[in-house]
Amino acid sequence: MQEDNFDSTVLDEMCFEAQRAQEEGNIEIAIDLFSRLTEIWGEVEGATGPKTMVMRGFLGRALTDGRRYEAAETELAALLIDRESVLGPDDEQTLVTRGNLARAIAFGGRPEEGIHITRMLLADRERIYGADDPRTMNARGQIAEFYADAGSDARAAALFGELVADRERVLGSTHRDTERTRQNFIIASAKSNPNAETIGALRELFDQEVAYEGLSNPGVINTYAILANLTAFSLGEPLEGLGMLTVVVAERTKLFGPGSPLTLASRRGRARCLILIGQFDDAVSELEDSCVYADEESIANDLEGLALRMDLVWARMARLEAYIEESVGEEFDYGEDDWATVEFLQARSDWISLEEDSRWLEPEHGLRRETLRMKEEYEFNEESEESP
């Protein structure tokens, strides 16, 4: 495309459409539009033109939101090299790209690496802008976010708590950034130390969000999903949690579709509730259906797909253990029961595939630790094809 042969206004409108789609959760539409914009601007001004690099940055961020972490990392790593070369290492756009690259790496299963990159980014922003600059505080918030995503909720709560105090001092208690950090602190506190006080604060936050935004707002539904999981698994009320998660599944299906990672995450929570109340067949069916959606959405080897497969193993083993206990107790012989043998071999086969696919995760990642715990708990043997 020649530079005098196109209308940049059309491309600007296309960019706005892509950004709106991303904000509304229509990530595949955003990725497609940003990909086309990157190609078009690349033809006009080259790969390192200012507009092209902006579109490449938008595309990398959208790929991360779409859980295409490997593609996002490749895109953003190349962009970082170009921005450092053209703009310099201290330019704000270069620093933004470093933060987005860390985000793709951390959410892609390597949180420690993402945190390390962001700590170096934080040091540079403190040097360039000072400790109280919002951009410096954003880097601090990103580190806390990475800890939370990896399951280190206590560390995340401590970091969010420190950041809330500093944002209140610099920006005021009602600033949008302060309120967002306070919300993250409440969520991380409830997850790391669930008790009447912390979960009560989370419930109050949810009630406020519903009053202002309505239940169908994606952020409100996210808070409700966390509250539902804590109700089911921390307060020991799986039946109540099941009802709450059923609402979450319905709302997320309407907002994002049945195969979106958020919808699948809430279906996984619902399946866990079904396991806890002894409805094992329903739990297995829920997870099997969810795994089909995960395959269709091309996230079968992504974190959410791995977690679904892990819970399917758990559901199968819980169903098998209940069957053994109810049927014949300690004298049970797998060799005399075809169903039980098949059930165990299926669970073990699923686990072997899961354990293999999770090895790219850092050792301290919560999902990686869970797969190894399951190996020990159920005495899965990768070498033997024989039932126990």
Protein backbone atom coordinates (compact mmCIF):
# COMPACT_ATOMS: atom_id res chain seq x y z
CA MET A 1 0.00 0.00 0.00
CA GLN A 2 1.44 3.41 -0.98
CA GLU A 3 1.42 6.26 1.55
CA ASP A 4 -0.65 8.54 -0.71
CA ASN A 5 -3.12 5.75 -1.43
CA PHE A 6 -4.88 5.37 1.90
CA ASP A 7 -6.82 7.37 4.46
CA SER A 8 -5.22 7.29 7.91
CA THR A 9 -8.58 8.25 9.43
CA VAL A 10 -9.94 4.85 8.42
CA LEU A 11 -6.99 3.17 10.12
CA ASP A 12 -7.50 5.26 13.26
CA GLU A 13 -11.15 4.17 13.37
CA MET A 14 -10.02 0.58 12.88
CA CYS A 15 -7.64 0.97 15.84
CA PHE A 16 -10.42 2.36 18.03
CA GLU A 17 -12.59 -0.60 17.04
CA ALA A 18 -9.80 -3.01 18.02
CA GLN A 19 -9.28 -1.30 21.37
CA ARG A 20 -12.99 -1.37 22.09
CA ALA A 21 -13.16 -5.08 21.22
CA GLN A 22 -10.26 -5.77 23.58
CA GLU A 23 -11.88 -3.83 26.43
CA GLU A 24 -15.13 -5.75 25.92
CA GLY A 25 -13.35 -9.11 25.99
CA ASN A 26 -13.60 -9.84 22.25
CA ILE A 27 -9.90 -10.65 22.09
CA GLU A 28 -9.87 -12.60 18.82
CA ILE A 29 -11.44 -9.65 17.00
CA ALA A 30 -8.86 -7.33 18.57
CA ILE A 31 -5.98 -9.61 17.58
CA ASP A 32 -7.23 -9.81 13.99
CA LEU A 33 -7.63 -6.03 13.69
CA PHE A 34 -4.26 -5.22 15.28
CA SER A 35 -2.59 -7.81 13.03
CA ARG A 36 -4.06 -6.13 9.95
CA LEU A 37 -3.11 -2.67 11.19
CA THR A 38 0.44 -3.80 11.87
CA GLU A 39 0.71 -5.18 8.35
CA ILE A 40 -0.79 -2.07 6.75
CA TRP A 41 1.36 0.42 8.64
CA GLY A 42 4.41 -1.78 8.03
CA GLU A 43 3.83 -1.45 4.29
CA VAL A 44 3.49 2.33 4.61
CA GLU A 45 6.37 3.25 6.92
CA GLY A 46 8.35 0.06 7.61
CA ALA A 47 8.63 -2.19 10.64
CA THR A 48 10.22 0.50 12.80
CA GLY A 49 7.94 3.36 11.81
CA PRO A 50 6.24 5.08 14.76
CA LYS A 51 2.70 3.96 13.88
CA THR A 52 3.86 0.44 13.06
CA MET A 53 5.59 0.05 16.41
CA VAL A 54 2.51 1.32 18.23
CA MET A 55 0.40 -1.30 16.46
CA ARG A 56 2.96 -4.00 17.21
CA GLY A 57 2.73 -3.06 20.88
CA PHE A 58 -1.07 -3.22 20.80
CA LEU A 59 -0.89 -6.60 19.07
CA GLY A 60 1.52 -8.01 21.66
CA ARG A 61 -0.74 -6.90 24.49
CA ALA A 62 -3.82 -8.37 22.77
CA LEU A 63 -2.01 -11.67 22.20
CA THR A 64 -1.24 -11.80 25.92
CA ASP A 65 -4.87 -11.10 26.80
CA GLY A 66 -5.82 -13.87 24.38
CA ARG A 67 -3.45 -16.23 26.22
CA ARG A 68 -1.27 -16.68 23.17
CA TYR A 69 1.75 -16.18 25.35
CA GLU A 70 4.44 -17.60 23.08
CA ALA A 71 3.30 -15.45 20.16
CA ALA A 72 3.04 -12.42 22.45
CA GLU A 73 6.53 -12.96 23.82
CA THR A 74 7.97 -13.27 20.29
CA GLU A 75 6.18 -10.12 19.11
CA LEU A 76 7.12 -8.02 22.13
CA ALA A 77 10.73 -9.20 22.32
CA ALA A 78 11.28 -8.14 18.70
CA LEU A 79 9.52 -4.83 19.34
CA LEU A 80 11.70 -4.17 22.39
CA ILE A 81 14.86 -4.58 20.32
CA ASP A 82 13.54 -2.12 17.72
CA ARG A 83 12.37 0.44 20.27
CA GLU A 84 15.68 0.35 22.13
CA SER A 85 17.48 0.85 18.81
CA VAL A 86 15.24 3.65 17.50
CA LEU A 87 14.11 5.41 20.69
CA GLY A 88 16.75 4.44 23.25
CA PRO A 89 16.55 2.29 26.39
CA ASP A 90 15.09 5.06 28.58
CA ASP A 91 12.28 6.17 26.29
CA GLU A 92 8.87 5.61 27.90
CA GLN A 93 7.62 3.52 24.96
CA THR A 94 10.64 1.25 25.38
CA LEU A 95 9.89 0.92 29.08
CA VAL A 96 6.22 0.16 28.36
CA THR A 97 7.30 -2.60 26.00
CA ARG A 98 9.56 -4.08 28.66
CA GLY A 99 6.60 -4.17 31.04
CA ASN A 100 4.34 -5.80 28.45
CA LEU A 101 7.00 -8.40 27.65
CA ALA A 102 7.30 -9.21 31.35
CA ARG A 103 3.53 -9.59 31.47
CA ALA A 104 3.49 -12.12 28.61
CA ILE A 105 6.30 -14.10 30.24
CA ALA A 106 4.79 -14.08 33.74
CA PHE A 107 1.24 -14.97 32.71
CA GLY A 108 2.65 -17.58 30.36
CA GLY A 109 3.90 -19.64 33.29
CA ARG A 110 7.26 -18.04 34.17
CA PRO A 111 6.30 -15.55 36.91
CA GLU A 112 9.75 -15.37 38.50
CA GLU A 113 11.28 -14.33 35.19
CA GLY A 114 8.53 -11.76 34.66
CA ILE A 115 9.04 -10.40 38.18
CA HIS A 116 12.81 -10.15 37.60
CA ILE A 117 12.28 -8.13 34.40
CA THR A 118 9.77 -5.86 36.14
CA ARG A 119 12.08 -5.26 39.10
CA MET A 120 14.73 -4.00 36.68
CA LEU A 121 12.04 -1.87 35.01
CA LEU A 122 11.04 -0.51 38.43
CA ALA A 123 14.64 0.51 39.17
CA ASP A 124 14.87 2.34 35.84
CA ARG A 125 11.59 4.15 36.37
CA GLU A 126 12.63 5.23 39.85
CA ARG A 127 15.88 6.57 38.37
CA ILE A 128 14.14 8.42 35.53
CA TYR A 129 10.86 9.55 37.10
CA GLY A 130 11.22 9.18 40.86
CA ALA A 131 9.56 6.83 43.34
CA ASP A 132 6.21 8.65 43.46
CA ASP A 133 5.58 8.85 39.72
CA PRO A 134 2.46 6.90 38.63
CA ARG A 135 4.53 5.00 36.06
CA THR A 136 6.88 3.82 38.78
CA MET A 137 3.94 2.77 40.93
CA ASN A 138 2.46 0.91 37.98
CA ALA A 139 5.59 -1.25 37.87
CA ARG A 140 5.14 -2.02 41.57
CA GLY A 141 1.53 -2.99 40.93
CA GLN A 142 2.59 -5.28 38.10
CA ILE A 143 5.00 -7.16 40.37
CA ALA A 144 2.21 -7.69 42.90
CA GLU A 145 -0.11 -8.82 40.11
CA PHE A 146 2.42 -11.43 38.98
CA TYR A 147 2.71 -12.83 42.50
CA ALA A 148 -1.08 -13.05 42.73
CA ASP A 149 -1.39 -14.79 39.38
CA ALA A 150 1.20 -17.40 40.45
CA GLY A 151 -0.71 -18.12 43.66
CA SER A 152 1.55 -16.19 46.06
CA ASP A 153 -1.39 -14.27 47.47
CA ALA A 154 0.22 -13.36 50.81
CA ARG A 155 3.16 -11.70 49.06
CA ALA A 156 0.78 -10.00 46.65
CA ALA A 157 -1.39 -8.70 49.51
CA ALA A 158 1.65 -7.22 51.27
CA LEU A 159 2.81 -5.46 48.10
CA PHE A 160 -0.67 -4.18 47.24
CA GLY A 161 -1.06 -2.92 50.82
CA GLU A 162 2.17 -0.91 50.59
CA LEU A 163 1.16 0.46 47.21
CA VAL A 164 -2.30 1.50 48.44
CA ALA A 165 -0.71 3.59 51.19
CA ASP A 166 1.64 5.32 48.74
CA ARG A 167 -1.07 5.95 46.16
CA GLU A 168 -3.36 7.43 48.82
CA ARG A 169 -0.52 9.75 49.89
CA VAL A 170 0.35 10.84 46.34
CA LEU A 171 -2.95 10.60 44.44
CA GLY A 172 -5.60 10.69 47.15
CA SER A 173 -7.97 8.02 48.40
CA THR A 174 -10.56 8.43 45.62
CA HIS A 175 -8.20 8.36 42.63
CA ARG A 176 -8.97 5.59 40.15
CA ASP A 177 -5.53 4.00 40.54
CA THR A 178 -5.83 4.07 44.33
CA GLU A 179 -9.24 2.45 44.24
CA ARG A 180 -8.08 -0.24 41.82
CA THR A 181 -5.09 -1.07 44.02
CA ARG A 182 -7.32 -1.15 47.11
CA GLN A 183 -9.60 -3.62 45.33
CA ASN A 184 -6.60 -5.81 44.46
CA PHE A 185 -5.45 -5.63 48.09
CA ILE A 186 -8.88 -6.74 49.34
CA ILE A 187 -8.96 -9.65 46.89
CA ALA A 188 -5.40 -10.80 47.63
CA SER A 189 -5.98 -10.49 51.40
CA ALA A 190 -9.13 -12.62 51.22
CA LYS A 191 -7.41 -15.28 49.12
CA SER A 192 -4.26 -15.40 51.27
CA ASN A 193 -5.99 -15.32 54.65
CA PRO A 194 -9.67 -16.19 54.27
CA ASN A 195 -11.57 -15.36 57.42
CA ALA A 196 -14.70 -13.51 58.46
CA GLU A 197 -12.98 -10.10 58.23
CA THR A 198 -11.23 -10.49 54.86
CA ILE A 199 -14.10 -12.26 53.14
CA GLY A 200 -16.50 -9.75 54.66
CA ALA A 201 -14.45 -6.95 53.09
CA LEU A 202 -14.56 -8.76 49.75
CA ARG A 203 -18.32 -9.20 50.02
CA GLU A 204 -18.68 -5.48 50.78
CA LEU A 205 -16.53 -4.68 47.73
CA PHE A 206 -18.74 -6.87 45.57
CA ASP A 207 -21.93 -5.21 46.86
CA GLN A 208 -20.47 -1.78 46.03
CA GLU A 209 -19.46 -2.90 42.54
CA VAL A 210 -22.93 -4.35 41.84
CA ALA A 211 -24.56 -1.11 42.98
CA TYR A 212 -22.40 1.00 40.64
CA GLU A 213 -21.81 -1.29 37.66
CA GLY A 214 -24.42 -4.06 37.72
CA LEU A 215 -23.84 -7.79 37.86
CA SER A 216 -23.04 -8.19 34.15
CA ASN A 217 -19.94 -6.00 34.30
CA PRO A 218 -16.85 -8.19 33.66
CA GLY A 219 -14.97 -6.78 36.66
CA VAL A 220 -17.93 -7.32 38.97
CA ILE A 221 -18.33 -10.89 37.78
CA ASN A 222 -14.62 -11.46 38.43
CA THR A 223 -15.04 -10.32 42.04
CA TYR A 224 -18.12 -12.54 42.41
CA ALA A 225 -16.20 -15.52 41.03
CA ILE A 226 -13.45 -15.04 43.62
CA LEU A 227 -16.05 -14.67 46.37
CA ALA A 228 -17.79 -17.85 45.17
CA ASN A 229 -14.57 -19.86 45.21
CA LEU A 230 -13.68 -18.65 48.70
CA THR A 231 -17.19 -19.46 49.90
CA ALA A 232 -16.94 -22.98 48.50
CA PHE A 233 -13.37 -23.91 49.33
CA SER A 234 -12.28 -21.70 52.22
CA LEU A 235 -15.51 -21.31 54.17
CA GLY A 236 -16.46 -24.93 53.46
CA GLU A 237 -19.79 -24.15 51.77
CA PRO A 238 -19.52 -25.93 48.39
CA LEU A 239 -23.27 -26.05 47.82
CA GLU A 240 -23.58 -22.28 48.22
CA GLY A 241 -20.47 -21.80 46.10
CA LEU A 242 -21.97 -24.03 43.41
CA GLY A 243 -25.00 -21.77 43.13
CA MET A 244 -22.84 -18.66 42.93
CA LEU A 245 -20.55 -20.17 40.30
CA THR A 246 -23.54 -21.21 38.22
CA VAL A 247 -24.45 -17.52 38.02
CA VAL A 248 -20.85 -16.67 37.10
CA VAL A 249 -20.80 -19.29 34.32
CA ALA A 250 -24.06 -17.93 32.88
CA GLU A 251 -22.85 -14.32 32.91
CA ARG A 252 -19.41 -15.12 31.50
CA THR A 253 -20.94 -17.27 28.77
CA LYS A 254 -23.10 -14.31 27.73
CA LEU A 255 -20.18 -11.88 27.87
CA PHE A 256 -17.33 -13.95 26.44
CA GLY A 257 -18.75 -17.20 25.05
CA PRO A 258 -18.71 -20.76 26.39
CA GLY A 259 -15.09 -21.46 25.47
CA SER A 260 -13.42 -18.34 26.83
CA PRO A 261 -10.73 -18.90 29.49
CA LEU A 262 -12.78 -16.98 32.07
CA THR A 263 -15.88 -19.07 31.42
CA LEU A 264 -13.82 -22.26 31.59
CA ALA A 265 -12.23 -21.15 34.87
CA SER A 266 -15.65 -20.70 36.46
CA ARG A 267 -16.84 -24.06 35.10
CA ARG A 268 -13.75 -25.61 36.67
CA GLY A 269 -14.69 -24.09 40.03
CA ARG A 270 -18.21 -25.44 39.63
CA ALA A 271 -16.84 -28.91 38.93
CA ARG A 272 -14.73 -28.75 42.09
CA CYS A 273 -17.87 -27.94 44.07
CA LEU A 274 -19.59 -30.96 42.53
CA ILE A 275 -16.69 -33.16 43.64
CA LEU A 276 -16.91 -31.86 47.20
CA ILE A 277 -20.64 -32.58 47.45
CA GLY A 278 -20.18 -36.07 45.99
CA GLN A 279 -21.70 -35.54 42.54
CA PHE A 280 -18.75 -37.16 40.78
CA ASP A 281 -20.45 -38.09 37.50
CA ASP A 282 -21.63 -34.50 37.05
CA ALA A 283 -18.13 -33.21 37.87
CA VAL A 284 -16.49 -35.49 35.31
CA SER A 285 -19.05 -34.50 32.66
CA GLU A 286 -18.55 -30.80 33.42
CA LEU A 287 -14.77 -31.09 33.05
CA GLU A 288 -14.91 -33.29 29.95
CA ASP A 289 -17.18 -30.74 28.25
CA SER A 290 -14.89 -27.91 29.35
CA CYS A 291 -11.83 -29.68 27.94
CA VAL A 292 -13.60 -29.93 24.58
CA TYR A 293 -14.18 -26.18 24.62
CA ALA A 294 -10.56 -25.64 25.64
CA ASP A 295 -9.43 -27.65 22.61
CA GLU A 296 -11.72 -25.67 20.34
CA GLU A 297 -10.34 -22.41 21.70
CA SER A 298 -6.74 -23.59 21.16
CA ILE A 299 -5.77 -23.28 24.82
CA ALA A 300 -5.51 -26.98 25.58
CA ASN A 301 -1.86 -26.58 26.60
CA ASP A 302 -2.36 -23.19 28.20
CA LEU A 303 -2.68 -22.65 31.95
CA GLU A 304 -6.47 -22.87 31.98
CA GLY A 305 -6.42 -25.96 29.78
CA LEU A 306 -3.84 -27.60 32.04
CA ALA A 307 -5.90 -26.76 35.13
CA LEU A 308 -9.02 -28.27 33.57
CA ARG A 309 -7.18 -31.47 32.76
CA MET A 310 -5.72 -31.61 36.28
CA ASP A 311 -9.18 -31.33 37.83
CA LEU A 312 -10.49 -34.01 35.48
CA VAL A 313 -7.89 -36.39 36.92
CA TRP A 314 -8.97 -35.37 40.41
CA ALA A 315 -12.65 -35.94 39.56
CA ARG A 316 -11.95 -39.38 38.10
CA MET A 317 -9.93 -40.44 41.13
CA ALA A 318 -12.52 -39.07 43.55
CA ARG A 319 -15.23 -41.01 41.70
CA LEU A 320 -13.09 -44.16 41.77
CA GLU A 321 -12.27 -43.85 45.47
CA ALA A 322 -15.95 -43.36 46.32
CA TYR A 323 -16.86 -46.40 44.26
CA ILE A 324 -14.23 -48.55 45.99
CA GLU A 325 -15.30 -47.38 49.43
CA GLU A 326 -18.98 -47.97 48.78
CA SER A 327 -18.51 -51.27 46.95
CA VAL A 328 -15.95 -53.43 48.63
CA GLY A 329 -13.75 -51.37 50.92
CA GLU A 330 -10.17 -52.45 51.56
CA GLU A 331 -10.50 -55.85 49.86
CA PHE A 332 -11.10 -54.32 46.45
CA ASP A 333 -9.22 -55.93 43.55
CA TYR A 334 -8.81 -53.81 40.41
CA GLY A 335 -8.17 -56.95 38.38
CA GLU A 336 -11.71 -58.19 39.08
CA ASP A 337 -13.48 -54.95 38.15
CA ASP A 338 -13.17 -53.76 34.56
CA TRP A 339 -14.79 -50.35 35.18
CA ALA A 340 -12.44 -49.49 38.03
CA THR A 341 -9.39 -50.62 36.04
CA VAL A 342 -10.39 -48.51 33.06
CA GLU A 343 -11.13 -45.52 35.31
CA PHE A 344 -7.74 -45.70 36.98
CA LEU A 345 -5.82 -46.21 33.74
CA GLN A 346 -7.65 -43.27 32.15
CA ALA A 347 -6.85 -41.02 35.12
CA ARG A 348 -3.22 -42.11 35.12
CA SER A 349 -2.91 -41.61 31.36
CA ASP A 350 -4.44 -38.14 31.67
CA TRP A 351 -2.04 -37.33 34.48
CA ILE A 352 1.05 -38.46 32.52
CA SER A 353 0.06 -36.17 29.64
CA LEU A 354 -0.66 -33.34 32.07
CA GLU A 355 2.61 -33.75 33.95
CA GLU A 356 4.56 -33.78 30.70
CA ASP A 357 2.84 -30.65 29.38
CA SER A 358 3.32 -28.76 32.66
CA ARG A 359 7.10 -29.17 32.78
CA TRP A 360 7.63 -25.81 31.08
CA LEU A 361 6.21 -24.13 34.18
CA GLU A 362 8.61 -22.82 36.79
CA PRO A 363 8.98 -25.30 39.71
CA GLU A 364 7.28 -22.95 42.19
CA HIS A 365 4.30 -22.25 39.99
CA GLY A 366 1.10 -23.31 41.75
CA LEU A 367 -0.11 -25.53 38.92
CA ARG A 368 3.25 -27.27 38.63
CA ARG A 369 3.28 -28.00 42.37
CA GLU A 370 -0.26 -29.37 42.10
CA THR A 371 0.63 -31.88 39.38
CA LEU A 372 3.53 -33.19 41.46
CA ARG A 373 1.28 -33.42 44.53
CA MET A 374 -1.19 -35.52 42.56
CA LYS A 375 1.60 -37.86 41.49
CA GLU A 376 2.51 -38.49 45.11
CA GLU A 377 -1.05 -38.70 46.40
CA TYR A 378 -2.31 -41.16 43.80
CA GLU A 379 1.01 -43.01 43.33
CA PHE A 380 0.87 -42.65 39.56
CA ASN A 381 3.65 -44.61 37.88
CA GLU A 382 4.76 -43.33 34.48
CA GLU A 383 6.66 -46.49 33.57
CA SER A 384 4.16 -49.18 34.47
CA GLU A 385 1.07 -49.84 32.36
CA GLU A 386 -0.36 -52.16 35.00
CA SER A 387 -3.17 -51.19 37.31
CA PRO A 388 -2.32 -51.28 41.04
